[in-house]
Amino acid sequence: DVNGHVNNLEYLRWMQEVATAHSSAHGWTMERYHETQTSWVVRSHHIDYLRPAFAGETISLLTWIADIQDIASTRKYLFWRPANNQVLAKAETLWVFVNGATGRPGRIPDEFKTAFEVVGEDEDVLQAVRA
C-alpha cells in the first residue's frame, strides 16, 4: 500500500491459498470436492492486524481447524515474521459446508471430520511457532 505495508487484501488471498493447501494435504483436494459435489463458502472473516508486514519481507503463515460443527467449521490463521518471531496478525474464517447439488448448507461428512485434527487453543500454536 502507500505506506509500504502489505495490503490487507493480500492477507485474505494468503488465507484462501493456505486453506486450500491444508485441505489438499489432508486428502480433500479440489478434485475431491468436485467429485463429491461439495464445497465451502465463507460466512465471515475476522483479522486482527497486530504489526505491519512490509513489502519484500518473508512472512510465514500457519492454519489449523479450531472447530468443526454439523455444517460449519472455524479455521484459524497465524501470520508471523520468522526473522524475529513477531506475530503480525491473527485471523479466523467461519466456513460453511455446501451441497453443490442444492447450493444449500450440508452436513460435514465424518470422513472430513476425521481427516483433520482440531486444535482448539491458540496458545499451543503460538508456543510451537516460537519453539
N, C-alpha and C. Protein backbone atom coordinates (compact mmCIF):
# COMPACT_ATOMS: atom_id res chain seq x y z
N ASP A 1 0.84 -1.19 0.00
CA ASP A 1 0.00 0.00 0.00
C ASP A 1 0.88 1.25 0.00
N VAL A 2 0.30 2.41 0.15
CA VAL A 2 1.06 3.67 0.07
C VAL A 2 2.07 3.81 1.21
N ASN A 3 1.90 3.06 2.29
CA ASN A 3 2.82 3.11 3.42
C ASN A 3 3.93 2.06 3.35
N GLY A 4 3.93 1.27 2.28
CA GLY A 4 4.91 0.20 2.16
C GLY A 4 4.53 -1.07 2.89
N HIS A 5 3.31 -1.08 3.46
CA HIS A 5 2.80 -2.27 4.16
C HIS A 5 2.20 -3.24 3.16
N VAL A 6 2.13 -4.49 3.54
CA VAL A 6 1.39 -5.47 2.76
C VAL A 6 -0.09 -5.09 2.85
N ASN A 7 -0.76 -5.02 1.71
CA ASN A 7 -2.16 -4.64 1.65
C ASN A 7 -3.04 -5.69 2.33
N ASN A 8 -4.09 -5.23 2.99
CA ASN A 8 -4.97 -6.14 3.73
C ASN A 8 -5.59 -7.21 2.83
N LEU A 9 -5.80 -6.92 1.56
CA LEU A 9 -6.38 -7.92 0.66
C LEU A 9 -5.42 -9.09 0.43
N GLU A 10 -4.12 -8.83 0.57
CA GLU A 10 -3.14 -9.91 0.45
C GLU A 10 -3.33 -10.95 1.55
N TYR A 11 -3.67 -10.49 2.74
CA TYR A 11 -3.90 -11.42 3.84
C TYR A 11 -5.04 -12.38 3.49
N LEU A 12 -6.12 -11.85 2.93
CA LEU A 12 -7.24 -12.71 2.54
C LEU A 12 -6.83 -13.69 1.45
N ARG A 13 -6.05 -13.22 0.49
CA ARG A 13 -5.58 -14.11 -0.58
C ARG A 13 -4.72 -15.23 0.01
N TRP A 14 -3.81 -14.86 0.92
CA TRP A 14 -2.96 -15.86 1.56
C TRP A 14 -3.80 -16.85 2.37
N MET A 15 -4.82 -16.35 3.05
CA MET A 15 -5.69 -17.23 3.84
C MET A 15 -6.37 -18.26 2.95
N GLN A 16 -6.86 -17.83 1.80
CA GLN A 16 -7.51 -18.74 0.86
C GLN A 16 -6.51 -19.78 0.35
N GLU A 17 -5.32 -19.33 -0.01
CA GLU A 17 -4.31 -20.25 -0.54
C GLU A 17 -3.88 -21.30 0.48
N VAL A 18 -3.63 -20.87 1.71
CA VAL A 18 -3.16 -21.83 2.72
C VAL A 18 -4.29 -22.77 3.15
N ALA A 19 -5.53 -22.29 3.15
CA ALA A 19 -6.67 -23.16 3.48
C ALA A 19 -6.81 -24.25 2.42
N THR A 20 -6.68 -23.88 1.16
CA THR A 20 -6.77 -24.85 0.06
C THR A 20 -5.63 -25.86 0.15
N ALA A 21 -4.43 -25.38 0.41
CA ALA A 21 -3.27 -26.28 0.53
C ALA A 21 -3.42 -27.23 1.72
N HIS A 22 -3.90 -26.71 2.84
CA HIS A 22 -4.10 -27.53 4.04
C HIS A 22 -5.14 -28.61 3.77
N SER A 23 -6.23 -28.24 3.13
CA SER A 23 -7.28 -29.20 2.80
C SER A 23 -6.73 -30.29 1.88
N SER A 24 -6.00 -29.88 0.85
CA SER A 24 -5.42 -30.85 -0.09
C SER A 24 -4.45 -31.79 0.61
N ALA A 25 -3.65 -31.26 1.52
CA ALA A 25 -2.68 -32.09 2.25
C ALA A 25 -3.35 -33.16 3.09
N HIS A 26 -4.61 -32.94 3.42
CA HIS A 26 -5.36 -33.92 4.21
C HIS A 26 -6.33 -34.74 3.36
N GLY A 27 -6.11 -34.73 2.04
CA GLY A 27 -6.89 -35.58 1.16
C GLY A 27 -8.14 -34.94 0.58
N TRP A 28 -8.41 -33.71 0.94
CA TRP A 28 -9.59 -33.02 0.41
C TRP A 28 -9.14 -32.00 -0.63
N THR A 29 -8.85 -32.54 -1.83
CA THR A 29 -8.39 -31.72 -2.95
C THR A 29 -9.58 -31.10 -3.66
N MET A 30 -9.30 -30.17 -4.56
CA MET A 30 -10.37 -29.58 -5.36
C MET A 30 -11.09 -30.66 -6.16
N GLU A 31 -10.34 -31.64 -6.66
CA GLU A 31 -10.95 -32.73 -7.42
C GLU A 31 -11.94 -33.51 -6.55
N ARG A 32 -11.56 -33.75 -5.32
CA ARG A 32 -12.45 -34.50 -4.42
C ARG A 32 -13.72 -33.71 -4.15
N TYR A 33 -13.61 -32.41 -3.95
CA TYR A 33 -14.81 -31.60 -3.75
C TYR A 33 -15.71 -31.66 -4.99
N HIS A 34 -15.09 -31.61 -6.19
CA HIS A 34 -15.89 -31.70 -7.42
C HIS A 34 -16.57 -33.06 -7.51
N GLU A 35 -15.83 -34.13 -7.21
CA GLU A 35 -16.40 -35.48 -7.27
C GLU A 35 -17.56 -35.66 -6.31
N THR A 36 -17.45 -35.08 -5.12
CA THR A 36 -18.50 -35.24 -4.11
C THR A 36 -19.56 -34.15 -4.20
N GLN A 37 -19.42 -33.26 -5.17
CA GLN A 37 -20.36 -32.15 -5.37
C GLN A 37 -20.56 -31.36 -4.08
N THR A 38 -19.44 -31.01 -3.46
CA THR A 38 -19.48 -30.22 -2.24
C THR A 38 -18.46 -29.09 -2.35
N SER A 39 -18.60 -28.12 -1.47
CA SER A 39 -17.64 -27.02 -1.42
C SER A 39 -17.82 -26.29 -0.09
N TRP A 40 -17.06 -25.24 0.07
CA TRP A 40 -17.15 -24.39 1.25
C TRP A 40 -17.42 -22.96 0.80
N VAL A 41 -18.18 -22.24 1.59
CA VAL A 41 -18.36 -20.81 1.37
C VAL A 41 -18.03 -20.09 2.68
N VAL A 42 -17.56 -18.88 2.55
CA VAL A 42 -17.20 -18.09 3.72
C VAL A 42 -18.44 -17.42 4.29
N ARG A 43 -18.66 -17.62 5.57
CA ARG A 43 -19.71 -16.89 6.28
C ARG A 43 -19.14 -15.59 6.83
N SER A 44 -17.90 -15.67 7.37
CA SER A 44 -17.28 -14.45 7.90
C SER A 44 -15.77 -14.62 8.00
N HIS A 45 -15.08 -13.47 7.94
CA HIS A 45 -13.64 -13.39 8.20
C HIS A 45 -13.45 -12.41 9.35
N HIS A 46 -12.45 -12.67 10.16
CA HIS A 46 -12.04 -11.70 11.18
C HIS A 46 -10.52 -11.70 11.20
N ILE A 47 -9.92 -10.51 11.07
CA ILE A 47 -8.46 -10.39 11.08
C ILE A 47 -8.07 -9.33 12.08
N ASP A 48 -7.16 -9.67 12.98
CA ASP A 48 -6.55 -8.71 13.89
C ASP A 48 -5.14 -8.44 13.38
N TYR A 49 -4.91 -7.21 12.93
CA TYR A 49 -3.59 -6.80 12.46
C TYR A 49 -2.83 -6.27 13.67
N LEU A 50 -1.78 -6.96 14.07
CA LEU A 50 -1.04 -6.61 15.28
C LEU A 50 0.20 -5.77 15.00
N ARG A 51 0.88 -6.08 13.90
CA ARG A 51 2.07 -5.35 13.47
C ARG A 51 2.07 -5.32 11.95
N PRO A 52 2.66 -4.30 11.35
CA PRO A 52 2.67 -4.26 9.89
C PRO A 52 3.67 -5.26 9.30
N ALA A 53 3.29 -5.80 8.17
CA ALA A 53 4.22 -6.57 7.34
C ALA A 53 4.61 -5.64 6.19
N PHE A 54 5.86 -5.69 5.81
CA PHE A 54 6.36 -4.78 4.79
C PHE A 54 6.67 -5.53 3.50
N ALA A 55 6.52 -4.83 2.39
CA ALA A 55 6.81 -5.41 1.08
C ALA A 55 8.24 -5.95 1.07
N GLY A 56 8.40 -7.16 0.55
CA GLY A 56 9.71 -7.77 0.44
C GLY A 56 10.13 -8.62 1.62
N GLU A 57 9.39 -8.54 2.73
CA GLU A 57 9.73 -9.36 3.91
C GLU A 57 9.29 -10.80 3.71
N THR A 58 9.95 -11.69 4.40
CA THR A 58 9.50 -13.08 4.46
C THR A 58 8.47 -13.18 5.58
N ILE A 59 7.29 -13.65 5.22
CA ILE A 59 6.19 -13.82 6.18
C ILE A 59 5.81 -15.30 6.18
N SER A 60 5.61 -15.87 7.34
CA SER A 60 5.15 -17.25 7.45
C SER A 60 3.70 -17.26 7.87
N LEU A 61 2.99 -18.28 7.44
CA LEU A 61 1.56 -18.39 7.72
C LEU A 61 1.26 -19.83 8.10
N LEU A 62 0.49 -19.97 9.15
CA LEU A 62 0.07 -21.27 9.64
C LEU A 62 -1.45 -21.27 9.74
N THR A 63 -2.06 -22.40 9.40
CA THR A 63 -3.51 -22.51 9.54
C THR A 63 -3.85 -23.83 10.23
N TRP A 64 -5.00 -23.84 10.89
CA TRP A 64 -5.48 -25.05 11.55
C TRP A 64 -6.99 -24.96 11.72
N ILE A 65 -7.58 -26.11 11.95
CA ILE A 65 -9.02 -26.19 12.21
C ILE A 65 -9.20 -26.05 13.72
N ALA A 66 -9.98 -25.06 14.12
CA ALA A 66 -10.22 -24.81 15.54
C ALA A 66 -11.52 -25.44 16.02
N ASP A 67 -12.43 -25.72 15.09
CA ASP A 67 -13.74 -26.24 15.49
C ASP A 67 -14.44 -26.81 14.26
N ILE A 68 -15.12 -27.92 14.43
CA ILE A 68 -15.96 -28.49 13.37
C ILE A 68 -17.32 -28.79 13.98
N GLN A 69 -18.34 -28.20 13.40
CA GLN A 69 -19.72 -28.44 13.83
C GLN A 69 -20.44 -29.26 12.75
N ASP A 70 -21.76 -29.26 12.78
CA ASP A 70 -22.53 -30.03 11.80
C ASP A 70 -22.37 -29.52 10.37
N ILE A 71 -22.50 -28.19 10.19
CA ILE A 71 -22.43 -27.63 8.84
C ILE A 71 -21.36 -26.55 8.68
N ALA A 72 -20.65 -26.23 9.74
CA ALA A 72 -19.67 -25.15 9.67
C ALA A 72 -18.39 -25.53 10.41
N SER A 73 -17.33 -24.85 10.02
CA SER A 73 -16.03 -25.09 10.62
C SER A 73 -15.29 -23.76 10.76
N THR A 74 -14.60 -23.60 11.88
CA THR A 74 -13.78 -22.41 12.09
C THR A 74 -12.33 -22.76 11.82
N ARG A 75 -11.74 -22.01 10.92
CA ARG A 75 -10.33 -22.16 10.57
C ARG A 75 -9.61 -20.93 11.07
N LYS A 76 -8.48 -21.14 11.75
CA LYS A 76 -7.70 -20.01 12.25
C LYS A 76 -6.38 -19.92 11.49
N TYR A 77 -5.79 -18.73 11.56
CA TYR A 77 -4.56 -18.43 10.84
C TYR A 77 -3.65 -17.60 11.73
N LEU A 78 -2.36 -17.80 11.57
CA LEU A 78 -1.37 -17.01 12.29
C LEU A 78 -0.31 -16.57 11.29
N PHE A 79 -0.07 -15.27 11.23
CA PHE A 79 0.96 -14.69 10.36
C PHE A 79 2.09 -14.22 11.25
N TRP A 80 3.33 -14.56 10.91
CA TRP A 80 4.44 -14.08 11.71
C TRP A 80 5.67 -13.84 10.84
N ARG A 81 6.57 -13.05 11.39
CA ARG A 81 7.83 -12.71 10.74
C ARG A 81 8.91 -13.62 11.32
N PRO A 82 9.41 -14.58 10.54
CA PRO A 82 10.39 -15.53 11.06
C PRO A 82 11.70 -14.88 11.53
N ALA A 83 12.06 -13.75 10.97
CA ALA A 83 13.32 -13.10 11.34
C ALA A 83 13.39 -12.78 12.83
N ASN A 84 12.23 -12.46 13.42
CA ASN A 84 12.23 -12.13 14.86
C ASN A 84 11.08 -12.81 15.62
N ASN A 85 10.37 -13.71 14.95
CA ASN A 85 9.24 -14.44 15.53
C ASN A 85 8.12 -13.53 16.03
N GLN A 86 8.00 -12.34 15.47
CA GLN A 86 6.90 -11.46 15.86
C GLN A 86 5.62 -11.88 15.15
N VAL A 87 4.55 -11.99 15.92
CA VAL A 87 3.24 -12.27 15.34
C VAL A 87 2.73 -10.98 14.71
N LEU A 88 2.36 -11.06 13.44
CA LEU A 88 1.89 -9.89 12.70
C LEU A 88 0.38 -9.79 12.68
N ALA A 89 -0.28 -10.93 12.58
CA ALA A 89 -1.74 -10.93 12.51
C ALA A 89 -2.27 -12.29 12.93
N LYS A 90 -3.48 -12.26 13.46
CA LYS A 90 -4.24 -13.47 13.77
C LYS A 90 -5.57 -13.33 13.04
N ALA A 91 -6.06 -14.44 12.52
CA ALA A 91 -7.30 -14.36 11.76
C ALA A 91 -8.10 -15.64 11.94
N GLU A 92 -9.37 -15.53 11.60
CA GLU A 92 -10.21 -16.73 11.55
C GLU A 92 -11.29 -16.56 10.51
N THR A 93 -11.70 -17.68 9.96
CA THR A 93 -12.76 -17.72 8.97
C THR A 93 -13.79 -18.75 9.42
N LEU A 94 -15.04 -18.39 9.33
CA LEU A 94 -16.12 -19.35 9.54
C LEU A 94 -16.55 -19.83 8.16
N TRP A 95 -16.28 -21.10 7.90
CA TRP A 95 -16.61 -21.73 6.62
C TRP A 95 -17.87 -22.57 6.78
N VAL A 96 -18.75 -22.51 5.79
CA VAL A 96 -19.97 -23.31 5.78
C VAL A 96 -19.85 -24.33 4.65
N PHE A 97 -20.12 -25.59 4.98
CA PHE A 97 -20.06 -26.68 4.02
C PHE A 97 -21.32 -26.64 3.15
N VAL A 98 -21.15 -26.76 1.84
CA VAL A 98 -22.27 -26.60 0.91
C VAL A 98 -22.44 -27.84 0.04
N ASN A 99 -23.68 -28.26 -0.10
CA ASN A 99 -24.06 -29.32 -1.02
C ASN A 99 -24.15 -28.68 -2.40
N GLY A 100 -23.28 -29.10 -3.32
CA GLY A 100 -23.24 -28.50 -4.65
C GLY A 100 -24.49 -28.73 -5.46
N ALA A 101 -25.20 -29.82 -5.22
CA ALA A 101 -26.41 -30.11 -5.98
C ALA A 101 -27.55 -29.16 -5.62
N THR A 102 -27.60 -28.76 -4.36
CA THR A 102 -28.69 -27.88 -3.92
C THR A 102 -28.25 -26.44 -3.71
N GLY A 103 -26.95 -26.24 -3.52
CA GLY A 103 -26.46 -24.90 -3.21
C GLY A 103 -26.74 -24.47 -1.79
N ARG A 104 -27.18 -25.40 -0.98
CA ARG A 104 -27.54 -25.10 0.41
C ARG A 104 -26.52 -25.72 1.37
N PRO A 105 -26.46 -25.21 2.59
CA PRO A 105 -25.58 -25.83 3.59
C PRO A 105 -25.89 -27.31 3.75
N GLY A 106 -24.85 -28.09 3.92
CA GLY A 106 -25.00 -29.53 4.10
C GLY A 106 -24.15 -30.00 5.27
N ARG A 107 -24.43 -31.19 5.74
CA ARG A 107 -23.67 -31.75 6.86
C ARG A 107 -22.24 -32.07 6.43
N ILE A 108 -21.32 -31.73 7.29
CA ILE A 108 -19.92 -32.06 7.04
C ILE A 108 -19.76 -33.56 7.23
N PRO A 109 -19.26 -34.27 6.21
CA PRO A 109 -19.15 -35.73 6.33
C PRO A 109 -18.13 -36.15 7.39
N ASP A 110 -18.39 -37.30 7.98
CA ASP A 110 -17.49 -37.83 9.01
C ASP A 110 -16.07 -38.01 8.48
N GLU A 111 -15.94 -38.43 7.21
CA GLU A 111 -14.59 -38.63 6.67
C GLU A 111 -13.80 -37.32 6.57
N PHE A 112 -14.50 -36.20 6.47
CA PHE A 112 -13.81 -34.90 6.54
C PHE A 112 -13.39 -34.63 7.98
N LYS A 113 -14.31 -34.83 8.89
CA LYS A 113 -14.03 -34.55 10.31
C LYS A 113 -12.84 -35.36 10.82
N THR A 114 -12.73 -36.61 10.38
CA THR A 114 -11.63 -37.45 10.87
C THR A 114 -10.31 -37.16 10.15
N ALA A 115 -10.36 -36.46 9.03
CA ALA A 115 -9.14 -36.15 8.28
C ALA A 115 -8.33 -35.03 8.91
N PHE A 116 -8.96 -34.23 9.77
CA PHE A 116 -8.31 -33.05 10.33
C PHE A 116 -8.29 -33.12 11.85
N GLU A 117 -7.16 -32.74 12.40
CA GLU A 117 -7.05 -32.59 13.85
C GLU A 117 -7.61 -31.23 14.23
N VAL A 118 -8.47 -31.19 15.23
CA VAL A 118 -8.99 -29.93 15.74
C VAL A 118 -8.02 -29.43 16.81
N VAL A 119 -7.51 -28.21 16.60
CA VAL A 119 -6.58 -27.58 17.54
C VAL A 119 -7.32 -26.40 18.13
N GLY A 120 -7.76 -26.55 19.36
CA GLY A 120 -8.63 -25.54 19.95
C GLY A 120 -7.94 -24.36 20.58
N GLU A 121 -6.72 -24.52 21.05
CA GLU A 121 -6.08 -23.46 21.82
C GLU A 121 -5.03 -22.72 21.00
N ASP A 122 -5.20 -21.41 20.84
CA ASP A 122 -4.24 -20.60 20.10
C ASP A 122 -2.87 -20.61 20.75
N GLU A 123 -2.82 -20.67 22.07
CA GLU A 123 -1.53 -20.63 22.77
C GLU A 123 -0.65 -21.82 22.41
N ASP A 124 -1.25 -22.99 22.16
CA ASP A 124 -0.48 -24.15 21.73
C ASP A 124 0.22 -23.87 20.40
N VAL A 125 -0.48 -23.21 19.51
CA VAL A 125 0.08 -22.87 18.21
C VAL A 125 1.19 -21.84 18.36
N LEU A 126 0.95 -20.82 19.17
CA LEU A 126 1.97 -19.79 19.39
C LEU A 126 3.25 -20.38 19.97
N GLN A 127 3.12 -21.29 20.91
CA GLN A 127 4.30 -21.92 21.51
C GLN A 127 5.07 -22.73 20.48
N ALA A 128 4.35 -23.42 19.61
CA ALA A 128 5.01 -24.22 18.57
C ALA A 128 5.77 -23.33 17.59
N VAL A 129 5.22 -22.18 17.26
CA VAL A 129 5.88 -21.25 16.34
C VAL A 129 7.14 -20.69 16.97
N ARG A 130 7.08 -20.38 18.23
CA ARG A 130 8.21 -19.74 18.91
C ARG A 130 9.30 -20.73 19.32
N ALA A 131 9.01 -22.03 19.22
CA ALA A 131 9.99 -23.05 19.64
C ALA A 131 11.12 -23.17 18.64
